Amino acid sequence: MQQQIATNTAAKTKKEWQKTSYANLIRYVPSGTYYARLRVKGKLIRRSLNTDLISVAKLRLGDFEKAERQRAESVDAVASGKMTFKDATIIHKSRVAGDVSLKPRTKEYHDQRIAALSKSWPGFERKEIRSVTKTECLDWAGRFGTKASPTAFNHTVGILKTLLEIGVEVGARYDNPAKFIKRASERAKILTLPEPAEFQKFVTEIENSGSGWSAPCADLVRFLAFGGFRKGEAALIAWGDCDFEKGEILVRGDAETGTKNWTVRRVPMIPEMRQLLERLRHERKQEPANTTVMEVKECQRSMDRAAKKVGFARITHHDLRHLFATLCIESGVDIPTVSRWLGHKDGGALAMRVYGHLRDEHSVSMAQRVTFTKTGAGDEAQARATAQN
């Protein structure tokens, strides 16, 4: 009886898992998801590749195999009593690569910070974790801090602490000497944004520059400023995403170039945005719904040239997003609503930090309307009668 149950279980399992023509790649039939299945150092490993496309699975399989074999070698190094920063980096990268909550851009940024750390610390990869001292960490921080921005410094220090923590975790050392490095103070960027009249002058200068792409560049600047989109989001918005009847624009994207939080949101068309879109649609009537609205994806060089021409500070694509938010708040839109339009997922906390001073200025202005000495209706009538006489 037990043998029959075991046979049925094995048959069922065999039906659930399907071999492929590629070594170490199998498919889970119920969901269609591909898995890596390989043996490393005698240990059988099976891990989801989080895709049902075999072309994507093949690419991820290669990266997964490489990372697992490198990690196994690092573990062997630790077992022998030695662990270098290179070994810890391999383990860290393997964990980051397998973290499905992280976007590709975030994973890429981890690699950039590791590269910056390696470049700024001579002999970094060969350095044994157990021999790193507090003094070495502070000396490195002193050198690196003079060249890096506060944000880059803090993120790179975070990577250093993580690598040393891996050393502690596997027993290569008992403490983390990087804990003595203090964070750099990250000051918010001082926004120098054009007034509406200056903005019009700025856009006109871009449009009249004489370049073959001057008009599309000017339209992109308007599009970003009138909608508060990120540059990557704007590049993906198609005509089918523009609902003229409801007066809304659907903002979406993929994991690498679209919305920052992988979500979809709707942004209302302000009057200037509707005018812009109606003009462009009239000019390009024959384009199908899946054609992107913007004909260019970026125009920083045109913006830099125009800023010099009209005589105000350089602004970036992202500054146009700030311009949209600033004008919305100054026009009386509450910060939580602006935060939703921008696609923030923190209930307005970030918007409060960046734009809170605008609310304070607005509050001071509104306070001037509040008084305990307001004249009554009779006094007002008498004042009008006196003025007529």
Protein backbone atom coordinates (compact mmCIF):
# COMPACT_ATOMS: atom_id res chain seq x y z
CA MET A 1 0.00 0.00 0.00
CA GLN A 2 2.75 2.41 0.99
CA GLN A 3 4.66 1.50 -2.17
CA GLN A 4 1.54 2.31 -4.27
CA ILE A 5 1.14 5.72 -2.54
CA ALA A 6 4.81 6.49 -3.18
CA THR A 7 4.43 5.50 -6.83
CA ASN A 8 1.34 7.72 -7.26
CA THR A 9 3.11 10.65 -5.57
CA ALA A 10 6.12 10.27 -7.87
CA ALA A 11 3.86 10.13 -10.94
CA LYS A 12 2.01 13.24 -9.82
CA THR A 13 5.29 15.09 -9.19
CA LYS A 14 6.57 14.06 -12.61
CA LYS A 15 3.47 15.55 -14.23
CA GLU A 16 3.92 18.81 -12.36
CA TRP A 17 7.54 19.26 -13.44
CA GLN A 18 8.55 19.29 -17.10
CA LYS A 19 12.09 18.98 -18.42
CA THR A 20 13.31 21.35 -21.11
CA SER A 21 15.95 21.00 -23.80
CA TYR A 22 18.29 23.14 -21.69
CA ALA A 23 20.43 21.73 -18.89
CA ASN A 24 19.40 22.76 -15.35
CA LEU A 25 16.17 24.39 -16.59
CA ILE A 26 12.77 22.92 -15.70
CA ARG A 27 9.19 24.15 -15.91
CA TYR A 28 6.48 23.97 -13.25
CA VAL A 29 3.45 22.96 -15.33
CA PRO A 30 0.57 24.31 -13.14
CA SER A 31 1.87 27.90 -13.29
CA GLY A 32 4.11 27.71 -16.38
CA THR A 33 6.97 29.24 -14.37
CA TYR A 34 10.54 28.19 -15.15
CA TYR A 35 12.92 27.06 -12.41
CA ALA A 36 16.65 26.57 -12.16
CA ARG A 37 17.59 23.11 -10.90
CA LEU A 38 21.27 22.43 -10.42
CA ARG A 39 23.71 20.76 -8.08
CA VAL A 40 26.51 22.87 -6.59
CA LYS A 41 29.14 21.31 -4.34
CA GLY A 42 26.88 18.29 -3.92
CA LYS A 43 23.87 20.38 -2.85
CA LEU A 44 20.72 20.32 -5.00
CA ILE A 45 19.32 23.82 -5.55
CA ARG A 46 15.94 24.64 -7.06
CA ARG A 47 14.96 28.29 -7.47
CA SER A 48 12.17 30.07 -9.34
CA LEU A 49 13.34 32.29 -12.20
CA ASN A 50 10.10 34.32 -11.94
CA THR A 51 9.16 34.10 -15.61
CA ASP A 52 7.07 31.96 -17.93
CA LEU A 53 9.08 33.00 -21.00
CA ILE A 54 11.80 30.53 -21.91
CA SER A 55 13.94 33.21 -23.59
CA VAL A 56 14.02 35.22 -20.35
CA ALA A 57 14.51 32.07 -18.27
CA LYS A 58 17.63 31.10 -20.23
CA LEU A 59 19.23 34.48 -19.54
CA ARG A 60 18.38 34.39 -15.84
CA LEU A 61 19.54 30.80 -15.54
CA GLY A 62 23.06 31.72 -16.64
CA ASP A 63 23.28 34.55 -14.11
CA PHE A 64 21.85 32.35 -11.35
CA GLU A 65 24.29 29.49 -12.02
CA LYS A 66 27.25 31.84 -12.00
CA ALA A 67 26.14 33.54 -8.78
CA GLU A 68 25.50 30.24 -6.96
CA ARG A 69 28.86 28.74 -7.93
CA GLN A 70 30.67 31.91 -6.88
CA ARG A 71 28.77 31.96 -3.60
CA ALA A 72 29.71 28.33 -2.93
CA GLU A 73 33.37 29.16 -3.53
CA SER A 74 33.07 32.10 -1.11
CA VAL A 75 31.55 29.86 1.55
CA ASP A 76 34.46 27.45 1.10
CA ALA A 77 36.85 30.35 1.58
CA VAL A 78 35.12 31.25 4.85
CA ALA A 79 35.24 27.64 6.00
CA SER A 80 38.99 27.70 5.54
CA GLY A 81 39.21 30.73 7.83
CA LYS A 82 39.62 33.37 5.10
CA MET A 83 37.09 35.73 3.60
CA THR A 84 37.96 38.68 1.39
CA PHE A 85 35.82 41.64 0.40
CA LYS A 86 35.49 39.97 -2.99
CA ASP A 87 33.94 36.90 -1.34
CA ALA A 88 31.51 39.07 0.65
CA THR A 89 30.66 41.05 -2.49
CA ILE A 90 29.74 37.86 -4.35
CA ILE A 91 27.39 36.82 -1.55
CA HIS A 92 25.85 40.29 -1.39
CA LYS A 93 25.31 40.44 -5.16
CA SER A 94 23.70 37.00 -5.09
CA ARG A 95 21.23 38.17 -2.45
CA VAL A 96 20.44 41.39 -4.28
CA ALA A 97 19.95 39.52 -7.58
CA GLY A 98 17.48 37.16 -5.92
CA ASP A 99 15.48 39.92 -4.20
CA VAL A 100 12.32 40.21 -6.32
CA SER A 101 11.24 43.36 -4.43
CA LEU A 102 14.12 45.37 -5.93
CA LYS A 103 13.84 47.03 -9.32
CA PRO A 104 16.60 46.45 -11.91
CA ARG A 105 17.67 50.09 -11.55
CA THR A 106 18.13 49.62 -7.79
CA LYS A 107 20.23 46.51 -8.37
CA GLU A 108 22.32 48.42 -10.89
CA TYR A 109 22.86 51.18 -8.32
CA HIS A 110 24.17 48.60 -5.83
CA ASP A 111 26.76 47.57 -8.43
CA GLN A 112 27.73 51.21 -8.97
CA ARG A 113 28.29 51.78 -5.25
CA ILE A 114 30.36 48.59 -4.96
CA ALA A 115 32.47 49.75 -7.91
CA ALA A 116 32.97 53.16 -6.26
CA LEU A 117 33.99 51.47 -3.00
CA SER A 118 36.47 49.18 -4.76
CA LYS A 119 37.97 52.06 -6.75
CA SER A 120 38.42 54.29 -3.70
CA TRP A 121 39.96 51.61 -1.43
CA PRO A 122 43.30 50.29 -2.83
CA GLY A 123 43.48 46.49 -2.79
CA PHE A 124 39.85 46.32 -1.70
CA GLU A 125 38.88 42.97 -3.26
CA ARG A 126 41.94 41.14 -1.87
CA LYS A 127 41.53 42.61 1.60
CA GLU A 128 40.60 39.99 4.22
CA ILE A 129 37.49 40.87 6.19
CA ARG A 130 38.99 39.75 9.50
CA SER A 131 41.93 42.18 9.18
CA VAL A 132 39.90 45.36 8.59
CA THR A 133 40.31 47.91 11.40
CA LYS A 134 38.28 50.85 12.65
CA THR A 135 41.11 53.19 11.62
CA GLU A 136 41.12 51.87 8.04
CA CYS A 137 37.38 52.40 7.75
CA LEU A 138 37.58 55.96 9.09
CA ASP A 139 40.56 56.79 6.87
CA TRP A 140 38.71 55.53 3.79
CA ALA A 141 35.61 57.53 4.76
CA GLY A 142 37.74 60.65 5.16
CA ARG A 143 39.18 60.29 1.66
CA PHE A 144 35.98 59.25 -0.06
CA GLY A 145 33.84 61.88 1.66
CA THR A 146 35.81 64.73 0.10
CA LYS A 147 35.00 63.53 -3.43
CA ALA A 148 31.50 62.07 -3.22
CA SER A 149 28.17 63.78 -2.71
CA PRO A 150 26.52 63.24 0.70
CA THR A 151 23.96 60.88 -0.84
CA ALA A 152 26.57 58.81 -2.71
CA PHE A 153 28.76 58.75 0.41
CA ASN A 154 25.96 57.45 2.66
CA HIS A 155 24.90 54.76 0.20
CA THR A 156 28.49 53.58 -0.30
CA VAL A 157 29.04 53.46 3.46
CA GLY A 158 25.88 51.39 3.66
CA ILE A 159 27.36 48.88 1.21
CA LEU A 160 30.61 48.71 3.21
CA LYS A 161 28.68 48.03 6.42
CA THR A 162 26.66 45.32 4.68
CA LEU A 163 29.77 43.54 3.38
CA LEU A 164 31.39 43.60 6.81
CA GLU A 165 28.12 42.39 8.35
CA ILE A 166 28.25 39.39 6.02
CA GLY A 167 31.69 38.69 7.46
CA VAL A 168 30.22 38.81 10.97
CA GLU A 169 27.31 36.64 9.92
CA VAL A 170 29.50 33.80 8.63
CA GLY A 171 32.01 34.01 11.47
CA ALA A 172 34.93 35.69 9.71
CA ARG A 173 34.99 38.38 12.43
CA TYR A 174 33.06 39.39 15.57
CA ASP A 175 32.33 43.08 15.04
CA ASN A 176 31.65 45.64 12.31
CA PRO A 177 34.34 48.36 12.34
CA ALA A 178 32.41 50.47 9.79
CA LYS A 179 29.76 51.25 12.42
CA PHE A 180 31.94 54.17 13.58
CA ILE A 181 31.53 56.01 10.25
CA LYS A 182 29.01 58.82 10.65
CA ARG A 183 26.46 59.63 7.98
CA ALA A 184 26.94 62.78 5.95
CA SER A 185 24.25 65.42 6.24
CA GLU A 186 22.07 65.32 3.15
CA ARG A 187 20.69 68.77 2.48
CA ALA A 188 17.65 69.18 0.31
CA LYS A 189 18.30 70.72 -3.08
CA ILE A 190 17.45 74.41 -3.20
CA LEU A 191 14.91 74.72 -5.98
CA THR A 192 15.45 77.63 -8.34
CA LEU A 193 12.46 77.44 -10.63
CA PRO A 194 11.24 79.89 -13.27
CA GLU A 195 8.12 81.98 -12.84
CA PRO A 196 5.31 81.32 -15.37
CA ALA A 197 6.42 84.22 -17.61
CA GLU A 198 10.03 83.06 -17.47
CA PHE A 199 8.95 79.51 -18.29
CA GLN A 200 7.14 80.70 -21.42
CA LYS A 201 10.24 82.61 -22.49
CA PHE A 202 12.36 79.52 -21.81
CA VAL A 203 10.14 77.22 -23.90
CA THR A 204 9.96 79.75 -26.74
CA GLU A 205 13.75 79.89 -26.84
CA ILE A 206 13.92 76.08 -27.17
CA GLU A 207 11.26 76.09 -29.89
CA ASN A 208 13.00 78.78 -31.94
CA SER A 209 16.52 77.37 -31.65
CA GLY A 210 16.54 76.31 -35.32
CA SER A 211 17.28 72.64 -34.62
CA GLY A 212 15.35 69.96 -36.49
CA TRP A 213 14.09 68.69 -33.13
CA SER A 214 13.46 72.09 -31.54
CA ALA A 215 9.64 71.82 -31.65
CA PRO A 216 9.47 68.25 -30.20
CA CYS A 217 11.96 69.28 -27.48
CA ALA A 218 9.80 72.28 -26.55
CA ASP A 219 6.73 70.04 -26.44
CA LEU A 220 8.51 67.60 -24.13
CA VAL A 221 9.39 70.43 -21.75
CA ARG A 222 5.73 71.52 -21.73
CA PHE A 223 4.55 67.91 -21.27
CA LEU A 224 6.78 67.34 -18.25
CA ALA A 225 5.90 70.68 -16.65
CA PHE A 226 2.14 70.40 -17.27
CA GLY A 227 1.90 66.80 -15.99
CA GLY A 228 4.63 66.39 -13.37
CA PHE A 229 5.83 63.16 -14.99
CA ARG A 230 9.20 61.53 -14.56
CA LYS A 231 11.23 61.48 -17.77
CA GLY A 232 10.91 57.69 -18.10
CA GLU A 233 7.16 57.85 -17.56
CA ALA A 234 6.66 60.55 -20.20
CA ALA A 235 8.51 58.47 -22.79
CA LEU A 236 5.96 55.65 -22.44
CA ILE A 237 2.69 57.62 -22.54
CA ALA A 238 0.80 56.84 -25.75
CA TRP A 239 -2.26 58.42 -27.35
CA GLY A 240 -4.37 55.58 -25.98
CA ASP A 241 -3.41 56.69 -22.46
CA CYS A 242 -4.89 60.18 -23.01
CA ASP A 243 -8.59 60.23 -22.12
CA PHE A 244 -9.86 63.55 -23.47
CA GLU A 245 -13.42 62.81 -22.34
CA LYS A 246 -12.48 62.34 -18.69
CA GLY A 247 -9.59 64.80 -18.88
CA GLU A 248 -7.08 62.27 -17.54
CA ILE A 249 -3.74 60.78 -18.54
CA LEU A 250 -2.91 57.19 -17.61
CA VAL A 251 0.69 56.92 -16.41
CA ARG A 252 2.23 53.47 -16.40
CA GLY A 253 5.47 51.76 -17.27
CA ASP A 254 7.63 48.70 -16.95
CA ALA A 255 10.03 47.69 -14.23
CA GLU A 256 13.04 49.37 -15.80
CA THR A 257 11.89 52.60 -17.39
CA GLY A 258 8.38 53.35 -16.21
CA THR A 259 6.69 54.32 -12.97
CA LYS A 260 9.03 54.28 -10.02
CA ASN A 261 6.75 52.20 -7.81
CA TRP A 262 5.58 49.82 -10.58
CA THR A 263 2.06 51.19 -10.24
CA VAL A 264 -0.46 52.83 -12.55
CA ARG A 265 -1.91 56.25 -11.77
CA ARG A 266 -4.15 58.85 -13.43
CA VAL A 267 -3.10 62.48 -13.69
CA PRO A 268 -5.73 65.12 -14.53
CA MET A 269 -5.16 67.37 -17.56
CA ILE A 270 -4.68 70.96 -16.48
CA PRO A 271 -5.95 73.45 -19.12
CA GLU A 272 -2.49 73.96 -20.66
CA MET A 273 -1.97 70.19 -20.91
CA ARG A 274 -5.28 69.73 -22.74
CA GLN A 275 -4.38 72.51 -25.18
CA LEU A 276 -0.98 70.93 -25.82
CA LEU A 277 -2.41 67.44 -26.41
CA GLU A 278 -5.25 68.67 -28.61
CA ARG A 279 -2.80 70.59 -30.78
CA LEU A 280 -0.43 67.62 -31.12
CA ARG A 281 -3.28 65.23 -31.85
CA HIS A 282 -4.61 67.57 -34.54
CA GLU A 283 -1.15 67.72 -36.11
CA ARG A 284 -0.73 63.91 -35.99
CA LYS A 285 -4.25 62.63 -36.65
CA GLN A 286 -3.19 59.43 -38.42
CA GLU A 287 -1.11 57.99 -35.57
CA PRO A 288 -2.55 54.86 -33.91
CA ALA A 289 -3.40 54.71 -30.22
CA ASN A 290 -0.19 52.87 -29.33
CA THR A 291 2.05 55.63 -30.72
CA THR A 292 3.85 57.57 -27.97
CA VAL A 293 2.78 61.18 -27.57
CA MET A 294 6.30 62.53 -27.25
CA GLU A 295 8.60 62.29 -30.24
CA VAL A 296 11.76 62.72 -28.15
CA LYS A 297 12.71 61.14 -24.82
CA GLU A 298 15.06 63.80 -23.49
CA CYS A 299 16.22 67.33 -24.32
CA GLN A 300 18.77 68.36 -21.66
CA ARG A 301 21.17 69.99 -24.13
CA SER A 302 18.38 72.13 -25.57
CA MET A 303 17.32 73.11 -22.06
CA ASP A 304 20.87 74.02 -21.06
CA ARG A 305 21.32 76.24 -24.11
CA ALA A 306 17.96 77.96 -23.61
CA ALA A 307 18.64 78.60 -19.90
CA LYS A 308 21.86 80.41 -20.78
CA LYS A 309 20.10 82.41 -23.47
CA VAL A 310 17.30 83.66 -21.22
CA GLY A 311 19.62 84.10 -18.26
CA PHE A 312 18.44 81.85 -15.47
CA ALA A 313 19.82 78.81 -13.63
CA ARG A 314 20.14 75.44 -15.34
CA ILE A 315 17.13 73.19 -14.81
CA THR A 316 16.76 69.46 -15.44
CA HIS A 317 13.91 67.24 -16.62
CA HIS A 318 13.18 66.40 -12.98
CA ASP A 319 13.05 70.09 -12.06
CA LEU A 320 10.04 70.41 -14.38
CA ARG A 321 8.30 67.88 -12.13
CA HIS A 322 9.08 70.15 -9.18
CA LEU A 323 7.73 73.11 -11.16
CA PHE A 324 4.42 71.30 -11.70
CA ALA A 325 4.10 70.45 -8.00
CA THR A 326 5.05 73.98 -6.92
CA LEU A 327 2.47 75.66 -9.15
CA CYS A 328 -0.21 73.19 -8.05
CA ILE A 329 0.39 73.96 -4.36
CA GLU A 330 0.63 77.70 -4.96
CA SER A 331 -2.70 77.46 -6.81
CA GLY A 332 -4.34 75.98 -3.72
CA VAL A 333 -4.16 72.20 -4.39
CA ASP A 334 -3.53 70.37 -1.11
CA ILE A 335 -0.27 68.48 -0.71
CA PRO A 336 -1.80 64.96 -0.37
CA THR A 337 -3.58 65.44 -3.71
CA VAL A 338 -0.42 66.71 -5.42
CA SER A 339 1.43 63.74 -3.91
CA ARG A 340 -1.04 61.32 -5.53
CA TRP A 341 -0.68 63.07 -8.89
CA LEU A 342 3.10 62.70 -8.62
CA GLY A 343 2.77 58.99 -7.84
CA HIS A 344 4.18 59.08 -4.31
CA LYS A 345 3.23 56.14 -2.08
CA ASP A 346 4.00 57.68 1.29
CA GLY A 347 0.79 59.61 1.88
CA GLY A 348 2.48 62.95 1.13
CA ALA A 349 5.46 62.68 3.51
CA LEU A 350 8.04 63.29 0.77
CA ALA A 351 6.01 66.11 -0.75
CA MET A 352 5.79 67.73 2.69
CA ARG A 353 9.58 67.67 3.04
CA VAL A 354 10.15 69.11 -0.43
CA TYR A 355 7.24 71.53 -0.73
CA GLY A 356 6.16 72.10 2.87
CA HIS A 357 7.59 75.61 2.91
CA LEU A 358 5.10 76.56 0.18
CA ARG A 359 2.23 75.49 2.41
CA ASP A 360 3.69 77.59 5.24
CA GLU A 361 3.91 80.65 2.99
CA HIS A 362 0.34 80.05 1.84
CA SER A 363 -0.80 79.74 5.46
CA VAL A 364 0.82 83.06 6.38
CA SER A 365 -0.92 84.71 3.43
CA MET A 366 -4.30 83.24 4.36
CA ALA A 367 -3.83 84.30 8.00
CA GLN A 368 -3.91 87.95 6.96
CA ARG A 369 -7.60 87.50 6.08
CA VAL A 370 -8.50 86.48 9.64
CA THR A 371 -9.53 89.34 11.95
CA PHE A 372 -11.54 89.94 15.12
CA THR A 373 -12.27 93.57 14.17
CA LYS A 374 -14.29 92.97 11.03
CA THR A 375 -17.03 95.60 10.58
CA GLY A 376 -20.66 94.52 10.92
CA ALA A 377 -23.35 94.72 8.22
CA GLY A 378 -24.72 98.01 9.61
CA ASP A 379 -21.30 99.63 9.69
CA GLU A 380 -20.64 98.51 6.10
CA ALA A 381 -23.96 100.02 4.90
CA GLN A 382 -23.21 103.27 6.68
CA ALA A 383 -19.72 103.35 5.16
CA ARG A 384 -21.17 102.91 1.67
CA ALA A 385 -23.75 105.64 2.24
CA THR A 386 -21.06 107.99 3.48
CA ALA A 387 -18.94 107.23 0.42
CA GLN A 388 -21.87 107.99 -1.93
CA ASN A 389 -22.48 111.37 -0.29
